[in-house]
Amino acid sequence: MRSGGRILALTAALALLTGTTVAQAEVPSCDSGVRFSATGTGAAMGLRLMAIEVTNCGTEPLQLNGYPRVKLLDADRQQLDVAILEGSGGIAAIEGFDDPPQPITVAPGDSAKSAFLWRNTHASVDPPQLARHADVAAVPDGAWEPLVASPQEGSIYIDLGSTGRLGVRAWYR
């Protein structure tokens, strides 16, 4: 990729990571105390980046210090055989993506962010891996909850091709 393409891809990725949140009126209820939302996806030259957000809709502060736990599921909600990596895992160099986890307290009504990073390269005769759903847990022993797509995108679409790898950014503000 020429340097102009790298700059454009990096600019698009950074815009996603600092983007606005999904409006409250557009998200489903939050009976479990947390809600996970995909707030936007960007793509450039086979590199994909999906910004996500956890909202604390409970009554107690939520303590985060690490990475979201992630399960990728196909259209039939069967779990895909995918390596979930803490940080970029060498997929791409995105500013801030490999920053170490920091303790974060998410007050009721507040939120924190993370992101998913992958390439959709397909170099196999097998069908490409495509996640149409994702389940996320905020902490290691936390309850699994579905990731809700942004209203603009309408659905979760993680096209891993044959790479079988998903990088996950630590929770941040």
Protein backbone atom coordinates (compact mmCIF):
# COMPACT_ATOMS: atom_id res chain seq x y z
CA MET A 1 0.00 0.00 0.00
CA ARG A 2 1.37 3.44 -0.86
CA SER A 3 1.89 5.87 2.02
CA GLY A 4 -1.20 7.89 1.03
CA GLY A 5 -3.33 4.75 1.33
CA ARG A 6 -1.85 3.95 4.76
CA ILE A 7 -2.57 7.45 5.98
CA LEU A 8 -6.14 7.26 4.69
CA ALA A 9 -6.67 3.85 6.33
CA LEU A 10 -5.19 5.06 9.62
CA THR A 11 -7.29 8.24 9.53
CA ALA A 12 -10.46 6.19 8.97
CA ALA A 13 -9.52 3.82 11.79
CA LEU A 14 -8.84 6.63 14.24
CA ALA A 15 -12.12 8.35 13.33
CA LEU A 16 -13.96 5.14 14.20
CA LEU A 17 -12.21 4.80 17.54
CA THR A 18 -13.14 8.32 18.55
CA GLY A 19 -16.62 8.34 16.98
CA THR A 20 -19.85 9.21 18.66
CA THR A 21 -22.02 6.73 20.51
CA VAL A 22 -25.31 5.25 19.39
CA ALA A 23 -28.24 7.39 20.47
CA GLN A 24 -30.12 6.09 23.52
CA ALA A 25 -33.46 5.99 21.68
CA GLU A 26 -32.01 3.60 19.07
CA VAL A 27 -30.65 0.86 21.36
CA PRO A 28 -32.48 -2.05 22.97
CA SER A 29 -33.25 -2.29 26.66
CA CYS A 30 -30.58 -3.33 29.12
CA ASP A 31 -31.98 -5.91 31.51
CA SER A 32 -28.61 -7.47 32.43
CA GLY A 33 -26.93 -4.25 33.58
CA VAL A 34 -24.59 -3.89 30.59
CA ARG A 35 -25.18 -3.36 26.88
CA PHE A 36 -22.64 -3.86 24.09
CA SER A 37 -23.01 -1.79 20.92
CA ALA A 38 -21.06 -1.74 17.68
CA THR A 39 -20.72 1.96 16.99
CA GLY A 40 -19.23 1.77 13.50
CA THR A 41 -17.11 -0.28 11.13
CA GLY A 42 -14.45 0.92 8.75
CA ALA A 43 -12.71 -0.91 5.92
CA ALA A 44 -9.69 -0.12 3.79
CA MET A 45 -7.62 -2.46 1.61
CA GLY A 46 -8.77 -5.62 3.41
CA LEU A 47 -8.25 -4.17 6.91
CA ARG A 48 -11.38 -3.94 9.05
CA LEU A 49 -11.97 -2.07 12.30
CA MET A 50 -15.15 -2.17 14.38
CA ALA A 51 -15.58 0.24 17.28
CA ILE A 52 -17.57 -1.16 20.22
CA GLU A 53 -18.91 0.29 23.43
CA VAL A 54 -20.10 -1.09 26.74
CA THR A 55 -22.75 0.92 28.57
CA ASN A 56 -23.35 0.43 32.27
CA CYS A 57 -27.12 0.49 32.61
CA GLY A 58 -27.04 -1.04 36.08
CA THR A 59 -27.08 0.69 39.44
CA GLU A 60 -23.51 -0.10 40.58
CA PRO A 61 -20.16 1.01 39.07
CA LEU A 62 -18.62 -1.43 36.58
CA GLN A 63 -14.91 -2.15 37.08
CA LEU A 64 -12.94 -2.87 33.90
CA ASN A 65 -9.25 -3.66 33.58
CA GLY A 66 -8.44 -5.72 30.52
CA TYR A 67 -9.97 -6.87 27.29
CA PRO A 68 -13.53 -7.74 26.37
CA ARG A 69 -14.10 -11.46 25.97
CA VAL A 70 -15.49 -12.23 22.52
CA LYS A 71 -17.21 -15.13 20.78
CA LEU A 72 -17.88 -14.86 17.06
CA LEU A 73 -20.93 -16.72 15.76
CA ASP A 74 -22.14 -17.57 12.26
CA ALA A 75 -25.66 -16.88 10.93
CA ASP A 76 -26.95 -19.98 12.76
CA ARG A 77 -25.32 -18.76 16.01
CA GLN A 78 -22.68 -21.52 15.88
CA GLN A 79 -19.34 -20.43 17.32
CA LEU A 80 -16.57 -19.93 14.77
CA ASP A 81 -13.09 -21.37 15.32
CA VAL A 82 -11.28 -18.05 15.60
CA ALA A 83 -8.22 -16.91 17.55
CA ILE A 84 -9.22 -13.95 19.73
CA LEU A 85 -6.08 -11.88 20.30
CA GLU A 86 -5.39 -9.32 23.02
CA GLY A 87 -4.29 -6.26 21.09
CA SER A 88 -3.60 -6.20 17.37
CA GLY A 89 -1.70 -9.50 17.31
CA GLY A 90 0.35 -8.15 14.40
CA ILE A 91 -2.71 -7.74 12.17
CA ALA A 92 -1.93 -4.04 11.65
CA ALA A 93 -0.32 -1.13 13.44
CA ILE A 94 -3.11 1.16 14.62
CA GLU A 95 -2.25 3.95 17.06
CA GLY A 96 -3.51 3.12 20.57
CA PHE A 97 -4.72 -0.38 19.70
CA ASP A 98 -1.91 -2.09 21.59
CA ASP A 99 -1.99 0.21 24.62
CA PRO A 100 -1.93 -1.89 27.81
CA PRO A 101 -5.13 -2.24 29.86
CA GLN A 102 -5.82 0.41 32.49
CA PRO A 103 -8.32 0.25 35.35
CA ILE A 104 -11.56 1.99 34.39
CA THR A 105 -14.62 2.59 36.54
CA VAL A 106 -17.77 2.94 34.47
CA ALA A 107 -20.46 4.72 36.48
CA PRO A 108 -24.15 3.86 35.92
CA GLY A 109 -25.24 5.50 32.67
CA ASP A 110 -21.64 5.88 31.46
CA SER A 111 -19.69 3.85 28.90
CA ALA A 112 -16.24 2.64 27.85
CA LYS A 113 -14.87 1.70 24.43
CA SER A 114 -12.94 -1.08 22.73
CA ALA A 115 -12.49 -2.19 19.13
CA PHE A 116 -12.10 -5.27 16.94
CA LEU A 117 -9.46 -5.48 14.22
CA TRP A 118 -9.19 -8.06 11.42
CA ARG A 119 -8.24 -8.66 7.81
CA ASN A 120 -10.63 -10.26 5.37
CA THR A 121 -7.89 -11.96 3.37
CA HIS A 122 -9.05 -15.23 1.84
CA ALA A 123 -6.37 -17.68 0.70
CA SER A 124 -8.12 -21.04 1.00
CA VAL A 125 -10.42 -23.34 -0.93
CA ASP A 126 -12.61 -23.57 2.19
CA PRO A 127 -15.50 -21.13 2.51
CA PRO A 128 -14.57 -17.82 4.17
CA GLN A 129 -15.40 -17.35 7.85
CA LEU A 130 -18.20 -14.85 8.35
CA ALA A 131 -19.51 -13.83 11.77
CA ARG A 132 -23.07 -12.52 11.72
CA HIS A 133 -23.32 -12.34 15.52
CA ALA A 134 -20.93 -11.70 18.38
CA ASP A 135 -21.31 -12.31 22.10
CA VAL A 136 -19.23 -10.20 24.47
CA ALA A 137 -18.41 -10.28 28.19
CA ALA A 138 -17.01 -7.15 29.84
CA VAL A 139 -14.82 -9.03 32.33
CA PRO A 140 -13.34 -12.57 32.49
CA ASP A 141 -16.18 -14.08 34.55
CA GLY A 142 -18.88 -11.76 33.20
CA ALA A 143 -22.12 -12.80 31.55
CA TRP A 144 -22.17 -13.14 27.76
CA GLU A 145 -24.36 -10.58 26.04
CA PRO A 146 -25.02 -10.00 22.33
CA LEU A 147 -23.23 -7.22 20.49
CA VAL A 148 -25.88 -4.97 18.96
CA ALA A 149 -25.18 -3.43 15.55
CA SER A 150 -25.41 0.30 14.98
CA PRO A 151 -28.63 1.47 13.33
CA GLN A 152 -26.59 2.67 10.32
CA GLU A 153 -25.18 -0.83 9.69
CA GLY A 154 -28.19 -2.84 10.78
CA SER A 155 -26.30 -6.07 11.47
CA ILE A 156 -22.99 -7.51 12.61
CA TYR A 157 -20.74 -8.46 9.69
CA ILE A 158 -17.22 -9.66 10.50
CA ASP A 159 -15.74 -11.09 7.31
CA LEU A 160 -12.59 -12.89 8.46
CA GLY A 161 -11.89 -14.66 5.18
CA SER A 162 -9.46 -17.48 5.97
CA THR A 163 -7.37 -15.55 8.51
CA GLY A 164 -9.13 -16.92 11.60
CA ARG A 165 -7.85 -14.03 13.75
CA LEU A 166 -9.54 -11.13 15.53
CA GLY A 167 -7.60 -8.49 17.47
CA VAL A 168 -9.35 -6.91 20.46
CA ARG A 169 -8.37 -3.58 22.00
CA ALA A 170 -8.32 -3.18 25.80
CA TRP A 171 -11.16 -1.16 27.33
CA TYR A 172 -10.42 2.57 27.22
CA ARG A 173 -12.06 5.98 27.48
